[in-house]
Amino acid sequence: LFYDRMAKSEARNLLVFSHYPTDYYAGGAPEFLDALRTQEKNITFFGGHRHSVDQWSTESIAPNSNWLVGGGGGWSCDSKSQGFVIGQVMWDYSVKTFPVLVDAPSCCKS
């Protein structure tokens, strides 16, 4: 589906959502990471699985952007960064993202 949308979309921006963060694809699907690194489109990737909200624990897809968005506590907390990410598509078609974090003790057991 991703490759089909990449080929057919005339949009400047693509928002890509996956259960898994980009570092999960490093060993098993490096061609997918290469496609996410395209300079032809502005890609913002959101992956989950781990319980954290960050950009430091993922595999870079520069020049594009990616987020781990599995925060919010519950079962476990893999970092103290818990919450969600806001994404805004601006008038000039750029995409701005930023985290909204909660106080970790409010959703993490330890």
C-alpha atoms as a PDB file:
ATOM      1  CA  LEU A   1       0.000   0.000   0.000  1.00  0.00           C
ATOM      2  CA  PHE A   2       2.801   2.426   0.888  1.00  0.00           C
ATOM      3  CA  TYR A   3       4.613   1.964  -2.430  1.00  0.00           C
ATOM      4  CA  ASP A   4       1.356   2.334  -4.372  1.00  0.00           C
ATOM      5  CA  ARG A   5       0.480   5.581  -2.593  1.00  0.00           C
ATOM      6  CA  MET A   6       4.022   6.918  -3.054  1.00  0.00           C
ATOM      7  CA  ALA A   7       3.843   6.235  -6.779  1.00  0.00           C
ATOM      8  CA  LYS A   8       0.341   7.598  -7.374  1.00  0.00           C
ATOM      9  CA  SER A   9       0.027  10.510  -4.952  1.00  0.00           C
ATOM     10  CA  GLU A  10       0.526  14.017  -6.269  1.00  0.00           C
ATOM     11  CA  ALA A  11       0.566  15.390  -2.723  1.00  0.00           C
ATOM     12  CA  ARG A  12       3.696  17.106  -1.418  1.00  0.00           C
ATOM     13  CA  ASN A  13       3.208  15.606   2.033  1.00  0.00           C
ATOM     14  CA  LEU A  14       2.607  12.034   3.086  1.00  0.00           C
ATOM     15  CA  LEU A  15       1.676  11.075   6.627  1.00  0.00           C
ATOM     16  CA  VAL A  16       2.585   7.436   7.198  1.00  0.00           C
ATOM     17  CA  PHE A  17       1.269   5.454  10.165  1.00  0.00           C
ATOM     18  CA  SER A  18       2.543   2.076  11.321  1.00  0.00           C
ATOM     19  CA  HIS A  19       2.270  -0.064  14.394  1.00  0.00           C
ATOM     20  CA  TYR A  20       6.068  -0.361  14.385  1.00  0.00           C
ATOM     21  CA  PRO A  21       8.676   2.424  14.636  1.00  0.00           C
ATOM     22  CA  THR A  22      11.315   2.854  11.953  1.00  0.00           C
ATOM     23  CA  ASP A  23      14.078   1.003  13.821  1.00  0.00           C
ATOM     24  CA  TYR A  24      12.053  -2.228  13.506  1.00  0.00           C
ATOM     25  CA  TYR A  25      12.547  -2.067   9.721  1.00  0.00           C
ATOM     26  CA  ALA A  26      16.340  -1.634   9.802  1.00  0.00           C
ATOM     27  CA  GLY A  27      17.130  -5.353   9.795  1.00  0.00           C
ATOM     28  CA  GLY A  28      14.203  -6.759   7.856  1.00  0.00           C
ATOM     29  CA  ALA A  29      13.082  -4.100   5.391  1.00  0.00           C
ATOM     30  CA  PRO A  30      15.914  -1.665   4.613  1.00  0.00           C
ATOM     31  CA  GLU A  31      14.311  -0.909   1.228  1.00  0.00           C
ATOM     32  CA  PHE A  32      11.276   0.465   3.091  1.00  0.00           C
ATOM     33  CA  LEU A  33      13.540   2.802   5.086  1.00  0.00           C
ATOM     34  CA  ASP A  34      15.217   3.907   1.855  1.00  0.00           C
ATOM     35  CA  ALA A  35      11.789   4.752   0.415  1.00  0.00           C
ATOM     36  CA  LEU A  36      10.925   6.746   3.552  1.00  0.00           C
ATOM     37  CA  ARG A  37      14.131   8.744   3.048  1.00  0.00           C
ATOM     38  CA  THR A  38      13.030  10.066  -0.344  1.00  0.00           C
ATOM     39  CA  GLN A  39      13.625  13.703  -1.158  1.00  0.00           C
ATOM     40  CA  GLU A  40      10.712  13.731  -3.602  1.00  0.00           C
ATOM     41  CA  LYS A  41       8.047  13.994  -0.886  1.00  0.00           C
ATOM     42  CA  ASN A  42       7.849  15.379   2.612  1.00  0.00           C
ATOM     43  CA  ILE A  43       7.149  12.286   4.732  1.00  0.00           C
ATOM     44  CA  THR A  44       6.176  12.331   8.383  1.00  0.00           C
ATOM     45  CA  PHE A  45       6.152   8.828   9.857  1.00  0.00           C
ATOM     46  CA  PHE A  46       4.349   7.836  13.067  1.00  0.00           C
ATOM     47  CA  GLY A  47       5.112   4.425  14.568  1.00  0.00           C
ATOM     48  CA  GLY A  48       4.155   2.881  17.875  1.00  0.00           C
ATOM     49  CA  HIS A  49       4.723  -0.442  19.634  1.00  0.00           C
ATOM     50  CA  ARG A  50       7.078   0.855  22.348  1.00  0.00           C
ATOM     51  CA  HIS A  51       5.605   3.008  25.077  1.00  0.00           C
ATOM     52  CA  SER A  52       7.339   6.340  24.563  1.00  0.00           C
ATOM     53  CA  VAL A  53       6.922   9.586  22.632  1.00  0.00           C
ATOM     54  CA  ASP A  54      10.236  10.529  21.072  1.00  0.00           C
ATOM     55  CA  GLN A  55      12.411  10.931  18.008  1.00  0.00           C
ATOM     56  CA  TRP A  56      15.652   9.695  19.567  1.00  0.00           C
ATOM     57  CA  SER A  57      14.958   5.940  19.776  1.00  0.00           C
ATOM     58  CA  THR A  58      14.027   5.475  16.122  1.00  0.00           C
ATOM     59  CA  GLU A  59      15.995   4.925  12.919  1.00  0.00           C
ATOM     60  CA  SER A  60      16.456   8.224  11.091  1.00  0.00           C
ATOM     61  CA  ILE A  61      14.626   8.741   7.816  1.00  0.00           C
ATOM     62  CA  ALA A  62      16.264  12.129   7.171  1.00  0.00           C
ATOM     63  CA  PRO A  63      15.584  14.346   5.367  1.00  0.00           C
ATOM     64  CA  ASN A  64      12.102  13.309   6.492  1.00  0.00           C
ATOM     65  CA  SER A  65      10.722  13.137  10.005  1.00  0.00           C
ATOM     66  CA  ASN A  66       9.559  10.274  12.206  1.00  0.00           C
ATOM     67  CA  TRP A  67       8.074   9.843  15.656  1.00  0.00           C
ATOM     68  CA  LEU A  68       7.624   7.021  18.100  1.00  0.00           C
ATOM     69  CA  VAL A  69       4.084   7.642  19.383  1.00  0.00           C
ATOM     70  CA  GLY A  70       3.401   4.759  21.744  1.00  0.00           C
ATOM     71  CA  GLY A  71       3.155   6.943  24.843  1.00  0.00           C
ATOM     72  CA  GLY A  72       0.415   7.240  27.364  1.00  0.00           C
ATOM     73  CA  GLY A  73       1.415   4.695  29.959  1.00  0.00           C
ATOM     74  CA  GLY A  74      -0.858   1.807  30.705  1.00  0.00           C
ATOM     75  CA  TRP A  75       0.905  -1.531  30.373  1.00  0.00           C
ATOM     76  CA  SER A  76       4.396  -0.089  30.730  1.00  0.00           C
ATOM     77  CA  CYS A  77       6.525   2.982  30.097  1.00  0.00           C
ATOM     78  CA  ASP A  78       9.710   2.618  28.074  1.00  0.00           C
ATOM     79  CA  SER A  79      10.721   6.207  28.839  1.00  0.00           C
ATOM     80  CA  LYS A  80       9.503   9.132  30.884  1.00  0.00           C
ATOM     81  CA  SER A  81       8.272  10.781  27.660  1.00  0.00           C
ATOM     82  CA  GLN A  82       4.574   9.924  27.655  1.00  0.00           C
ATOM     83  CA  GLY A  83       1.781  11.686  25.792  1.00  0.00           C
ATOM     84  CA  PHE A  84       0.999  12.309  22.120  1.00  0.00           C
ATOM     85  CA  VAL A  85       2.178  14.228  19.061  1.00  0.00           C
ATOM     86  CA  ILE A  86       0.386  17.094  17.352  1.00  0.00           C
ATOM     87  CA  GLY A  87       0.900  17.520  13.626  1.00  0.00           C
ATOM     88  CA  GLN A  88      -0.033  20.639  11.702  1.00  0.00           C
ATOM     89  CA  VAL A  89      -0.077  21.056   7.925  1.00  0.00           C
ATOM     90  CA  MET A  90       0.707  24.720   7.361  1.00  0.00           C
ATOM     91  CA  TRP A  91      -0.502  27.058   4.600  1.00  0.00           C
ATOM     92  CA  ASP A  92       2.797  26.609   2.758  1.00  0.00           C
ATOM     93  CA  TYR A  93       2.278  22.807   2.931  1.00  0.00           C
ATOM     94  CA  SER A  94       5.082  22.292   5.425  1.00  0.00           C
ATOM     95  CA  VAL A  95       4.337  19.935   8.311  1.00  0.00           C
ATOM     96  CA  LYS A  96       5.141  20.905  11.890  1.00  0.00           C
ATOM     97  CA  THR A  97       5.044  18.351  14.689  1.00  0.00           C
ATOM     98  CA  PHE A  98       5.553  18.609  18.413  1.00  0.00           C
ATOM     99  CA  PRO A  99       4.967  16.408  21.446  1.00  0.00           C
ATOM    100  CA  VAL A 100       2.513  17.083  24.233  1.00  0.00           C
ATOM    101  CA  LEU A 101       3.856  15.229  27.237  1.00  0.00           C
ATOM    102  CA  VAL A 102       2.208  14.419  30.527  1.00  0.00           C
ATOM    103  CA  ASP A 103       3.808  14.079  33.927  1.00  0.00           C
ATOM    104  CA  ALA A 104       5.272  10.542  33.787  1.00  0.00           C
ATOM    105  CA  PRO A 105       4.165   9.488  37.307  1.00  0.00           C
ATOM    106  CA  SER A 106       0.561  10.187  36.317  1.00  0.00           C
ATOM    107  CA  CYS A 107       0.618   7.289  33.842  1.00  0.00           C
ATOM    108  CA  CYS A 108       3.701   5.208  34.676  1.00  0.00           C
ATOM    109  CA  LYS A 109       3.968   2.910  37.665  1.00  0.00           C
ATOM    110  CA  SER A 110       7.626   3.689  38.308  1.00  0.00           C
END
